[in-house]
């Protein structure tokens, strides 16, 4: 008995496309996870995303993950039409360069939260040779429709809308899960791809005319409310036959991410001793590692030792040095400044945590205020 009817029928589904994309990713040295399940926070139901692929590289003390979240769709009878108009890059209500990244490293998280970071990131990544993966959209896609290939009759936007919302919700789920899942220092950058095995068209609206243009790739900035917050996300629609050609640029993106985030980490530590905000970001780590070495000589000499929480750092502009201040008292500060062992341990701690190797002194906080 022949079983070819099984293979013939499965070939009509999207599973063939999904497997093909997975194999192309693996051949390009991406790690692939198929059929990832997540919980839809709005509907409290279990949903599935077709593929998650990533490349990971160790940079300095942290790992850089460039992640692709991928939806695969196949349609033999309908074309996908993306309705578009001229883009207004100065529109204050739009974000044409969204960035979705997460880090549990305090230095990188601080950089990510700085004003204008997304624009600096996109400008910097382009200089590292990334061409199409994060390019600014050429047009504003404002709607989409599936349309009959033979007649052009509009059907609906259900399949396209499902692809878009599934990608955005999967991304939101991954970003929300990382703080509990990832414990070692890392940074993740996410990219959303809707890969379609169907004719792909841009329907360009200009005045009263509409022009149909066959395309292989289109960047769409989606706006959605997720967890009661407005979110902008880049969705790249990509024809299945164009995926292999687009993939090398995502590998370039990973290399660029490694260089970019490495340089951002260096920027965080550069002249950190002169910036109270950055000093305070890592202050708890400094207290945990250095407090006992600072307090013990005081105990040993019957001098009241301050609580660890009262130890602070600030840059003394007049003395051109980093000052470690707390209620040491004049006698305690003098003792610490003359204790070779304590100064050596604290110097090593400052180098380890702040990458600072310059001069420092202990100071009684009565002097500081």
Protein backbone atom coordinates (compact mmCIF):
# COMPACT_ATOMS: atom_id res chain seq x y z
CA UNK A 1 0.00 0.00 0.00
CA UNK A 2 1.36 3.40 -0.95
CA UNK A 3 1.63 6.04 1.72
CA UNK A 4 2.45 8.94 -0.58
CA UNK A 5 -0.87 10.62 0.16
CA UNK A 6 0.49 11.45 3.62
CA UNK A 7 3.59 13.13 2.25
CA UNK A 8 1.63 14.86 -0.50
CA UNK A 9 -0.81 16.36 1.96
CA UNK A 10 1.75 17.41 4.58
CA UNK A 11 3.63 19.22 1.82
CA UNK A 12 0.66 21.58 1.54
CA UNK A 13 1.04 22.72 5.17
CA UNK A 14 3.45 25.20 6.70
CA UNK A 15 5.49 22.47 8.37
CA UNK A 16 7.65 22.04 5.28
CA UNK A 17 8.45 25.75 5.32
CA UNK A 18 9.18 25.71 9.03
CA UNK A 19 11.59 22.80 8.66
CA UNK A 20 13.28 24.42 5.67
CA UNK A 21 13.87 27.67 7.56
CA UNK A 22 15.16 25.75 10.59
CA UNK A 23 17.67 23.87 8.42
CA UNK A 24 18.87 27.08 6.77
CA UNK A 25 19.39 28.61 10.20
CA UNK A 26 21.33 25.61 11.48
CA UNK A 27 23.53 25.61 8.37
CA UNK A 28 24.36 29.25 9.14
CA UNK A 29 25.43 28.34 12.72
CA UNK A 30 22.29 29.49 14.53
CA UNK A 31 20.94 27.49 17.46
CA UNK A 32 17.28 26.71 16.78
CA UNK A 33 14.35 26.01 19.10
CA UNK A 34 11.19 24.77 17.38
CA UNK A 35 7.61 25.22 18.58
CA UNK A 36 8.24 27.30 21.67
CA UNK A 37 5.17 27.59 23.89
CA UNK A 38 4.29 30.64 25.95
CA UNK A 39 1.33 31.96 27.93
CA UNK A 40 -0.73 34.74 26.36
CA UNK A 41 -1.02 37.28 29.19
CA UNK A 42 -4.26 38.77 27.80
CA UNK A 43 -6.17 35.57 27.16
CA UNK A 44 -4.35 33.33 29.67
CA UNK A 45 -4.05 30.64 27.04
CA UNK A 46 -1.06 28.67 25.78
CA UNK A 47 0.26 29.83 22.42
CA UNK A 48 3.04 28.66 20.15
CA UNK A 49 5.71 30.43 18.13
CA UNK A 50 7.23 28.47 15.25
CA UNK A 51 10.94 29.11 15.68
CA UNK A 52 13.39 30.88 17.96
CA UNK A 53 16.97 31.07 16.75
CA UNK A 54 19.97 32.68 18.40
CA UNK A 55 23.70 33.17 18.23
CA UNK A 56 25.64 33.67 21.46
CA UNK A 57 29.16 34.96 22.01
CA UNK A 58 31.14 35.75 25.15
CA UNK A 59 32.23 39.39 25.30
CA UNK A 60 34.23 40.59 28.31
CA UNK A 61 32.33 39.23 31.34
CA UNK A 62 28.91 38.80 29.65
CA UNK A 63 27.25 36.83 26.85
CA UNK A 64 25.68 38.56 23.85
CA UNK A 65 22.57 36.88 22.40
CA UNK A 66 21.18 37.95 19.04
CA UNK A 67 17.74 36.38 18.86
CA UNK A 68 15.32 35.81 15.98
CA UNK A 69 11.67 35.07 16.78
CA UNK A 70 10.10 33.64 13.63
CA UNK A 71 6.58 32.97 12.40
CA UNK A 72 6.22 30.78 9.30
CA UNK A 73 3.07 30.89 7.15
CA UNK A 74 2.17 29.23 3.85
CA UNK A 75 -0.72 30.03 1.54
CA UNK A 76 -1.19 28.58 -1.93
CA UNK A 77 -4.38 30.43 -2.82
CA UNK A 78 -3.96 33.89 -1.29
CA UNK A 79 -1.36 36.62 -1.64
CA UNK A 80 -0.29 38.78 1.29
CA UNK A 81 -0.88 42.46 0.59
CA UNK A 82 0.72 45.14 2.76
CA UNK A 83 -1.11 48.44 2.45
CA UNK A 84 1.34 51.34 2.60
CA UNK A 85 1.70 55.10 2.26
CA UNK A 86 4.54 57.63 2.38
CA UNK A 87 6.32 57.56 5.70
CA UNK A 88 6.68 60.56 8.00
CA UNK A 89 9.88 59.92 9.91
CA UNK A 90 9.23 63.01 12.07
CA UNK A 91 5.86 61.76 13.31
CA UNK A 92 6.05 62.29 17.11
CA UNK A 93 3.53 59.50 17.69
CA UNK A 94 5.62 56.80 16.02
CA UNK A 95 8.86 55.06 16.81
CA UNK A 96 10.53 54.02 13.56
CA UNK A 97 13.61 52.59 15.27
CA UNK A 98 12.36 50.45 18.15
CA UNK A 99 14.87 48.43 20.10
CA UNK A 100 13.95 45.45 22.25
CA UNK A 101 16.88 44.38 24.37
CA UNK A 102 17.37 43.16 27.93
CA UNK A 103 20.34 42.76 30.21
CA UNK A 104 20.87 41.64 33.78
CA UNK A 105 24.31 43.25 33.82
CA UNK A 106 24.05 46.54 35.73
CA UNK A 107 26.44 48.39 33.44
CA UNK A 108 24.64 47.37 30.26
CA UNK A 109 21.19 47.86 31.79
CA UNK A 110 22.21 51.41 32.73
CA UNK A 111 23.34 52.09 29.17
CA UNK A 112 20.13 50.61 27.73
CA UNK A 113 18.03 52.95 29.86
CA UNK A 114 19.92 56.10 28.85
CA UNK A 115 18.16 58.74 26.76
CA UNK A 116 18.46 58.26 23.01
CA UNK A 117 20.01 54.82 23.30
CA UNK A 118 17.84 53.21 20.58
CA UNK A 119 18.89 55.80 17.99
CA UNK A 120 22.55 55.54 18.98
CA UNK A 121 22.25 51.77 18.69
CA UNK A 122 20.76 51.85 15.19
CA UNK A 123 23.31 54.41 13.99
CA UNK A 124 26.16 52.41 15.48
CA UNK A 125 25.00 49.05 14.15
CA UNK A 126 24.75 50.48 10.61
CA UNK A 127 28.38 51.59 10.85
CA UNK A 128 29.33 48.00 11.65
CA UNK A 129 28.03 46.82 8.27
CA UNK A 130 24.43 45.78 9.02
CA UNK A 131 22.42 46.66 5.90
CA UNK A 132 18.85 45.37 5.84
CA UNK A 133 18.15 43.70 9.19
CA UNK A 134 17.45 46.97 11.01
CA UNK A 135 16.94 49.44 8.21
CA UNK A 136 14.48 52.29 8.67
CA UNK A 137 11.15 51.40 6.97
CA UNK A 138 10.86 52.80 3.44
CA UNK A 139 7.08 53.22 3.76
CA UNK A 140 4.45 53.21 6.47
CA UNK A 141 2.49 49.96 6.40
CA UNK A 142 -0.88 50.86 7.87
CA UNK A 143 -2.93 47.71 7.17
CA UNK A 144 -2.77 44.30 5.49
CA UNK A 145 -5.03 41.88 3.68
CA UNK A 146 -4.94 38.39 2.27
CA UNK A 147 -6.20 38.57 -1.31
CA UNK A 148 -7.08 35.87 -3.84
CA UNK A 149 -4.15 35.25 -6.17
CA UNK A 150 -6.34 34.79 -9.24
CA UNK A 151 -8.92 37.53 -8.73
CA UNK A 152 -7.46 39.90 -6.12
CA UNK A 153 -10.62 39.67 -4.03
CA UNK A 154 -9.86 40.71 -0.43
CA UNK A 155 -10.32 37.96 2.14
CA UNK A 156 -9.36 39.24 5.60
CA UNK A 157 -6.32 40.06 7.68
CA UNK A 158 -6.67 37.20 10.18
CA UNK A 159 -3.58 35.15 9.29
CA UNK A 160 -1.34 38.20 8.94
CA UNK A 161 -2.68 39.76 12.12
CA UNK A 162 -2.15 36.47 13.97
CA UNK A 163 1.46 36.30 12.76
CA UNK A 164 2.14 39.86 13.89
CA UNK A 165 0.52 39.61 17.31
CA UNK A 166 2.04 36.19 18.00
CA UNK A 167 5.51 37.58 17.33
CA UNK A 168 4.99 40.60 19.56
CA UNK A 169 3.48 38.58 22.40
CA UNK A 170 6.21 35.94 22.16
CA UNK A 171 8.81 38.69 22.40
CA UNK A 172 7.04 40.20 25.41
CA UNK A 173 6.94 36.77 27.05
CA UNK A 174 10.66 36.17 26.47
CA UNK A 175 11.56 39.60 27.84
CA UNK A 176 9.40 38.98 30.89
CA UNK A 177 10.81 35.49 31.52
CA UNK A 178 14.50 36.36 31.23
CA UNK A 179 14.92 37.92 34.71
CA UNK A 180 13.93 34.62 36.32
CA UNK A 181 15.61 32.37 33.75
CA UNK A 182 18.98 34.02 33.15
CA UNK A 183 21.34 34.38 36.10
CA UNK A 184 24.78 34.85 34.52
CA UNK A 185 25.58 38.28 32.96
CA UNK A 186 24.08 38.60 29.48
CA UNK A 187 22.40 40.90 27.02
CA UNK A 188 19.68 39.84 24.55
CA UNK A 189 18.64 41.72 21.40
CA UNK A 190 15.42 40.56 19.68
CA UNK A 191 14.33 40.56 16.03
CA UNK A 192 10.87 39.57 14.75
CA UNK A 193 10.45 37.87 11.36
CA UNK A 194 7.23 36.90 9.59
CA UNK A 195 8.28 34.50 6.83
CA UNK A 196 5.60 33.79 4.26
CA UNK A 197 5.49 31.25 1.46
CA UNK A 198 3.00 33.20 -0.63
CA UNK A 199 3.04 36.09 -3.07
CA UNK A 200 3.96 39.25 -1.18
CA UNK A 201 2.81 42.67 -2.41
CA UNK A 202 3.03 46.28 -1.32
CA UNK A 203 -0.14 48.21 -2.21
CA UNK A 204 1.17 51.76 -2.30
CA UNK A 205 -1.41 54.48 -1.72
CA UNK A 206 -0.52 57.83 -3.31
CA UNK A 207 -3.30 60.37 -3.52
CA UNK A 208 -6.19 58.57 -5.18
CA UNK A 209 -4.00 56.01 -6.96
CA UNK A 210 -2.91 52.61 -5.67
CA UNK A 211 0.03 50.72 -7.15
CA UNK A 212 0.69 47.02 -6.57
CA UNK A 213 4.40 46.21 -6.26
CA UNK A 214 5.78 42.72 -5.70
CA UNK A 215 8.27 42.73 -2.83
CA UNK A 216 10.49 40.20 -1.08
CA UNK A 217 10.94 42.15 2.14
CA UNK A 218 9.09 44.88 4.03
CA UNK A 219 9.70 46.40 7.46
CA UNK A 220 6.55 47.11 9.43
CA UNK A 221 6.45 48.97 12.74
CA UNK A 222 3.63 47.48 14.77
CA UNK A 223 1.96 49.32 17.63
CA UNK A 224 0.27 47.19 20.24
CA UNK A 225 -0.85 47.34 23.87
CA UNK A 226 0.96 44.63 25.83
CA UNK A 227 0.55 44.38 29.61
CA UNK A 228 -1.29 47.72 29.51
CA UNK A 229 1.65 49.50 27.90
CA UNK A 230 1.95 50.77 24.34
CA UNK A 231 4.70 48.91 22.53
CA UNK A 232 6.33 49.49 19.15
CA UNK A 233 7.96 46.51 17.46
CA UNK A 234 9.68 45.96 14.13
CA UNK A 235 8.15 43.10 12.16
CA UNK A 236 10.02 42.15 9.02
CA UNK A 237 7.84 40.46 6.42
CA UNK A 238 10.09 38.27 4.31
CA UNK A 239 9.28 35.98 1.40
CA UNK A 240 10.42 32.43 2.08
CA UNK A 241 12.63 32.40 -1.00
CA UNK A 242 14.43 35.53 0.20
CA UNK A 243 15.25 34.23 3.67
CA UNK A 244 18.53 32.50 2.76
CA UNK A 245 19.77 35.71 1.14
CA UNK A 246 18.77 37.82 4.15
CA UNK A 247 20.29 35.52 6.76
CA UNK A 248 23.95 36.59 6.40
CA UNK A 249 22.98 40.13 7.40
CA UNK A 250 21.61 38.78 10.69
CA UNK A 251 24.92 37.03 11.29
CA UNK A 252 26.58 40.39 10.64
CA UNK A 253 24.12 41.88 13.13
CA UNK A 254 25.31 39.44 15.78
CA UNK A 255 28.95 40.38 15.18
CA UNK A 256 27.95 44.05 15.31
CA UNK A 257 26.04 43.48 18.55
CA UNK A 258 29.14 41.95 20.13
CA UNK A 259 31.24 44.96 19.16
CA UNK A 260 28.57 47.52 20.01
CA UNK A 261 27.63 46.21 23.44
CA UNK A 262 31.29 45.65 24.25
CA UNK A 263 31.99 49.30 23.50
CA UNK A 264 28.92 50.37 25.50
CA UNK A 265 30.19 48.41 28.48
CA UNK A 266 33.55 50.16 28.17
CA UNK A 267 31.74 53.51 27.96
CA UNK A 268 29.93 52.79 31.22
CA UNK A 269 33.21 52.31 33.09
CA UNK A 270 35.08 55.15 31.41
CA UNK A 271 35.65 57.94 34.00
CA UNK A 272 33.07 56.24 36.23
CA UNK A 273 34.70 57.58 39.39
CA UNK A 274 33.67 61.11 38.38
CA UNK A 275 29.98 60.22 37.92
CA UNK A 276 27.95 59.73 41.07
CA UNK A 277 25.05 58.08 39.21
CA UNK A 278 27.22 55.32 37.79
CA UNK A 279 29.14 54.93 41.06
CA UNK A 280 25.87 54.29 42.86
CA UNK A 281 24.76 51.65 40.34
CA UNK A 282 27.50 49.33 41.64
CA UNK A 283 27.73 50.65 45.20
CA UNK A 284 25.98 47.68 46.83
CA UNK A 285 28.47 45.30 45.24
CA UNK A 286 31.33 47.43 46.52
CA UNK A 287 29.87 47.46 50.03
CA UNK A 288 29.39 43.69 50.04
CA UNK A 289 32.98 43.02 48.99
CA UNK A 290 34.83 45.79 50.82
CA UNK A 291 32.83 46.60 53.95
CA UNK A 292 34.35 43.92 56.18
CA UNK A 293 37.91 44.80 55.18
CA UNK A 294 37.15 48.44 55.96
CA UNK A 295 35.37 47.81 59.27
CA UNK A 296 37.68 45.13 60.72
CA UNK A 297 40.74 47.39 61.39
CA UNK A 298 38.43 49.78 63.24
CA UNK A 299 37.01 46.99 65.40
CA UNK A 300 40.53 45.75 66.06
CA UNK A 301 41.59 49.17 67.32
CA UNK A 302 38.46 49.76 69.43
CA UNK A 303 37.12 52.41 67.08
CA UNK A 304 33.41 52.40 66.32
CA UNK A 305 32.93 50.98 62.84
CA UNK A 306 30.18 52.33 60.56
CA UNK A 307 27.46 50.12 59.12
CA UNK A 308 28.13 48.86 55.60
CA UNK A 309 25.12 50.81 54.34
CA UNK A 310 26.74 54.09 55.42
CA UNK A 311 29.85 53.61 53.25
CA UNK A 312 29.70 55.80 50.15
CA UNK A 313 31.86 56.95 47.26
CA UNK A 314 32.27 60.34 45.67
CA UNK A 315 34.78 62.11 43.45
CA UNK A 316 36.82 64.81 45.16
CA UNK A 317 37.45 67.36 42.41
CA UNK A 318 39.84 69.42 44.49
CA UNK A 319 41.90 66.40 45.47
CA UNK A 320 41.45 64.67 42.10
CA UNK A 321 40.77 61.36 43.81
CA UNK A 322 37.99 58.97 44.74
CA UNK A 323 36.89 59.39 48.34
CA UNK A 324 35.41 56.62 50.45
CA UNK A 325 33.40 58.34 53.13
CA UNK A 326 31.45 57.17 56.15
CA UNK A 327 31.25 58.09 59.86
CA UNK A 328 34.75 56.77 60.49
CA UNK A 329 35.69 59.66 62.78
CA UNK A 330 38.96 61.51 62.27
CA UNK A 331 40.93 58.79 64.04
CA UNK A 332 39.29 56.00 62.03
CA UNK A 333 39.87 57.69 58.68
CA UNK A 334 43.51 58.27 59.56
CA UNK A 335 43.96 54.64 60.61
CA UNK A 336 42.43 53.32 57.37
CA UNK A 337 44.51 55.62 55.18
CA UNK A 338 47.64 54.24 56.85
CA UNK A 339 46.63 50.55 56.75
CA UNK A 340 48.53 48.99 53.85
CA UNK A 341 46.57 45.73 53.85
CA UNK A 342 43.17 47.46 53.87
CA UNK A 343 44.21 49.86 51.12
CA UNK A 344 45.42 46.94 48.98
CA UNK A 345 42.19 44.96 49.39
CA UNK A 346 40.02 48.03 48.68
CA UNK A 347 42.18 48.93 45.66
CA UNK A 348 41.64 45.43 44.26
CA UNK A 349 37.89 45.72 44.92
CA UNK A 350 37.67 49.09 43.16
CA UNK A 351 39.52 47.62 40.18
CA UNK A 352 37.29 44.53 40.12
CA UNK A 353 33.96 46.33 40.41
CA UNK A 354 34.60 49.77 38.91
CA UNK A 355 37.69 49.14 36.77
CA UNK A 356 39.19 52.01 38.73
CA UNK A 357 42.89 52.00 39.54
CA UNK A 358 43.45 55.63 40.53
CA UNK A 359 44.06 57.24 43.92
CA UNK A 360 41.53 57.05 46.72
CA UNK A 361 41.32 58.13 50.36
CA UNK A 362 39.12 57.34 53.35
CA UNK A 363 37.26 60.35 54.69
CA UNK A 364 35.06 60.96 57.69
CA UNK A 365 31.63 62.06 56.50
CA UNK A 366 31.63 64.97 58.94
CA UNK A 367 34.27 66.53 56.70
CA UNK A 368 32.26 65.79 53.55
CA UNK A 369 29.21 67.63 54.83
